[in-house]
């Protein structure tokens, strides 16, 4: 198998895995990798994908922890973080003789998630504002006015010892 064929197969596998992960985590296009083909330090083919977007840090972390890549046991290697590259957080694995890496810069920060700020609080309609709250018709009744047959309340009088 030629390097071009292996690289194409690895790219299809990486794209498919990331797309399945993004659909599962409802990412949409928040963090899509931008793929480049490079030569590794040992001269082998390397497929490098920079994860970009407002949730890139979270997406790469979740991909590493929660997503199961389907790999061939003969020669492929499970994903692991590579700490040897300064300035990058890199997740690397081997597929079909091609090294595949997903990374983001160490300085990347996810955009804060939260409620979007509202211009003003919603105002209730005029009909809701004008409706008076009804008052009870008579004096309030006690909910526990007497003991029931099923759950009798007993009053125990303190007994004194005749001693």
Protein backbone atom coordinates (compact mmCIF):
# COMPACT_ATOMS: atom_id res chain seq x y z
CA UNK A 1 0.00 0.00 0.00
CA UNK A 2 1.43 3.41 -0.93
CA UNK A 3 1.82 6.32 1.44
CA UNK A 4 -0.86 8.25 -0.44
CA UNK A 5 -3.38 5.43 -0.05
CA UNK A 6 -2.56 5.04 3.66
CA UNK A 7 -2.79 8.76 4.19
CA UNK A 8 -6.17 8.90 2.44
CA UNK A 9 -7.48 5.98 4.52
CA UNK A 10 -6.22 7.60 7.75
CA UNK A 11 -7.82 10.91 6.77
CA UNK A 12 -11.17 9.23 6.08
CA UNK A 13 -10.95 7.37 9.39
CA UNK A 14 -10.03 10.51 11.37
CA UNK A 15 -12.71 12.63 9.65
CA UNK A 16 -15.36 9.95 10.21
CA UNK A 17 -14.40 9.46 13.85
CA UNK A 18 -14.41 13.19 14.56
CA UNK A 19 -17.74 13.67 12.74
CA UNK A 20 -19.33 10.85 14.77
CA UNK A 21 -17.92 12.32 17.99
CA UNK A 22 -19.13 15.84 17.07
CA UNK A 23 -22.62 14.54 16.34
CA UNK A 24 -22.70 12.56 19.59
CA UNK A 25 -21.61 15.59 21.67
CA UNK A 26 -23.74 18.08 19.70
CA UNK A 27 -20.72 20.13 18.69
CA UNK A 28 -21.90 21.12 15.24
CA UNK A 29 -19.10 23.12 13.69
CA UNK A 30 -17.87 24.54 17.02
CA UNK A 31 -14.58 22.63 16.90
CA UNK A 32 -13.60 21.22 13.53
CA UNK A 33 -10.05 20.08 12.85
CA UNK A 34 -8.11 21.72 10.03
CA UNK A 35 -6.05 18.85 8.54
CA UNK A 36 -2.53 19.10 7.11
CA UNK A 37 -0.26 16.40 5.74
CA UNK A 38 3.28 16.50 7.10
CA UNK A 39 6.35 14.36 7.45
CA UNK A 40 7.03 13.13 10.96
CA UNK A 41 10.40 13.46 12.71
CA UNK A 42 11.34 9.94 11.60
CA UNK A 43 10.31 10.57 7.97
CA UNK A 44 6.98 8.74 8.16
CA UNK A 45 3.70 10.25 7.05
CA UNK A 46 1.87 12.35 9.64
CA UNK A 47 -1.69 13.64 9.44
CA UNK A 48 -2.04 16.66 11.70
CA UNK A 49 -5.35 18.28 12.60
CA UNK A 50 -5.58 21.51 14.54
CA UNK A 51 -8.82 21.69 16.50
CA UNK A 52 -10.25 25.19 16.24
CA UNK A 53 -13.36 26.88 17.53
CA UNK A 54 -14.75 28.26 20.77
CA UNK A 55 -14.87 24.80 22.45
CA UNK A 56 -11.62 23.32 21.09
CA UNK A 57 -10.06 22.53 24.48
CA UNK A 58 -13.19 20.82 25.75
CA UNK A 59 -13.70 18.92 22.49
CA UNK A 60 -10.18 17.48 22.37
CA UNK A 61 -10.35 16.48 26.03
CA UNK A 62 -13.73 14.77 25.55
CA UNK A 63 -12.56 13.05 22.38
CA UNK A 64 -9.56 11.64 24.24
CA UNK A 65 -11.57 10.48 27.26
CA UNK A 66 -14.93 9.38 25.93
CA UNK A 67 -14.67 8.43 22.27
CA UNK A 68 -13.74 4.91 21.23
CA UNK A 69 -11.71 4.80 18.00
CA UNK A 70 -12.06 1.61 16.00
CA UNK A 71 -8.52 0.48 15.22
CA UNK A 72 -6.95 -2.59 13.66
CA UNK A 73 -5.06 -4.46 16.38
CA UNK A 74 -2.16 -5.25 14.02
CA UNK A 75 0.14 -2.21 14.17
CA UNK A 76 -2.34 0.48 15.16
CA UNK A 77 -1.90 2.29 18.46
CA UNK A 78 -4.50 3.68 20.83
CA UNK A 79 -4.74 7.47 21.28
CA UNK A 80 -2.52 9.04 23.88
CA UNK A 81 -1.39 12.55 24.74
CA UNK A 82 2.06 13.54 23.46
CA UNK A 83 3.82 15.87 25.87
CA UNK A 84 7.01 16.21 23.83
CA UNK A 85 5.72 19.04 21.62
CA UNK A 86 6.13 22.43 23.32
CA UNK A 87 3.25 24.88 22.97
CA UNK A 88 0.72 22.24 21.92
CA UNK A 89 -1.70 19.83 23.56
CA UNK A 90 -1.49 16.84 21.22
CA UNK A 91 -3.54 13.64 21.04
CA UNK A 92 -1.79 11.13 18.77
CA UNK A 93 -2.59 7.63 17.50
CA UNK A 94 -1.48 5.36 14.68
CA UNK A 95 -3.88 4.12 12.01
CA UNK A 96 -2.82 1.96 9.06
CA UNK A 97 0.83 2.93 9.32
CA UNK A 98 0.06 6.67 9.50
CA UNK A 99 0.47 8.80 12.59
CA UNK A 100 -2.59 10.94 13.21
CA UNK A 101 -2.58 13.83 15.64
CA UNK A 102 -5.23 16.23 16.86
CA UNK A 103 -4.00 19.29 18.70
CA UNK A 104 -4.72 22.78 19.94
CA UNK A 105 -2.29 25.40 21.26
CA UNK A 106 -1.55 25.31 25.01
CA UNK A 107 -2.75 28.89 25.21
CA UNK A 108 -6.21 28.03 23.84
CA UNK A 109 -9.10 28.85 26.16
CA UNK A 110 -12.69 27.80 25.63
CA UNK A 111 -15.30 30.50 25.37
CA UNK A 112 -17.38 30.61 28.55
CA UNK A 113 -20.68 28.83 28.30
CA UNK A 114 -23.69 30.33 29.91
CA UNK A 115 -26.88 32.13 29.34
CA UNK A 116 -26.78 34.85 26.78
CA UNK A 117 -27.32 38.23 28.41
CA UNK A 118 -30.83 39.57 28.04
CA UNK A 119 -31.48 43.23 27.29
CA UNK A 120 -34.24 43.43 29.89
CA UNK A 121 -36.46 41.16 31.92
CA UNK A 122 -39.74 40.13 30.29
CA UNK A 123 -42.73 42.22 31.33
CA UNK A 124 -45.96 40.37 32.15
CA UNK A 125 -48.97 41.18 30.02
CA UNK A 126 -51.59 43.68 31.21
CA UNK A 127 -54.12 40.89 31.81
CA UNK A 128 -51.75 39.12 34.19
CA UNK A 129 -50.93 42.33 36.05
CA UNK A 130 -54.60 43.30 36.60
CA UNK A 131 -55.80 39.91 37.89
CA UNK A 132 -56.36 40.12 41.67
CA UNK A 133 -55.38 37.20 43.86
CA UNK A 134 -58.51 35.65 45.41
CA UNK A 135 -58.74 35.57 49.21
CA UNK A 136 -60.13 32.61 51.13
CA UNK A 137 -63.87 32.84 51.90
CA UNK A 138 -63.83 32.04 55.58
CA UNK A 139 -61.47 31.50 58.48
CA UNK A 140 -58.59 29.16 57.79
CA UNK A 141 -59.21 25.59 58.89
CA UNK A 142 -56.57 23.54 60.48
CA UNK A 143 -55.51 20.66 58.28
CA UNK A 144 -55.18 18.37 61.25
CA UNK A 145 -58.30 19.03 63.25
CA UNK A 146 -58.70 15.54 64.64
CA UNK A 147 -57.07 12.17 64.52
CA UNK A 148 -58.11 9.72 61.85
CA UNK A 149 -59.02 6.10 62.42
CA UNK A 150 -56.10 4.94 60.37
CA UNK A 151 -53.46 7.05 62.06
CA UNK A 152 -54.78 7.80 65.52
CA UNK A 153 -53.14 10.52 67.52
CA UNK A 154 -52.93 9.61 71.11
CA UNK A 155 -52.30 11.94 73.92
CA UNK A 156 -50.36 10.39 76.68
CA UNK A 157 -50.72 11.95 80.05
CA UNK A 158 -47.74 11.94 82.24
CA UNK A 159 -48.15 9.29 84.85
CA UNK A 160 -46.91 9.95 88.30
CA UNK A 161 -45.53 7.20 90.45
CA UNK A 162 -47.53 6.80 93.65
CA UNK A 163 -44.42 5.80 95.53
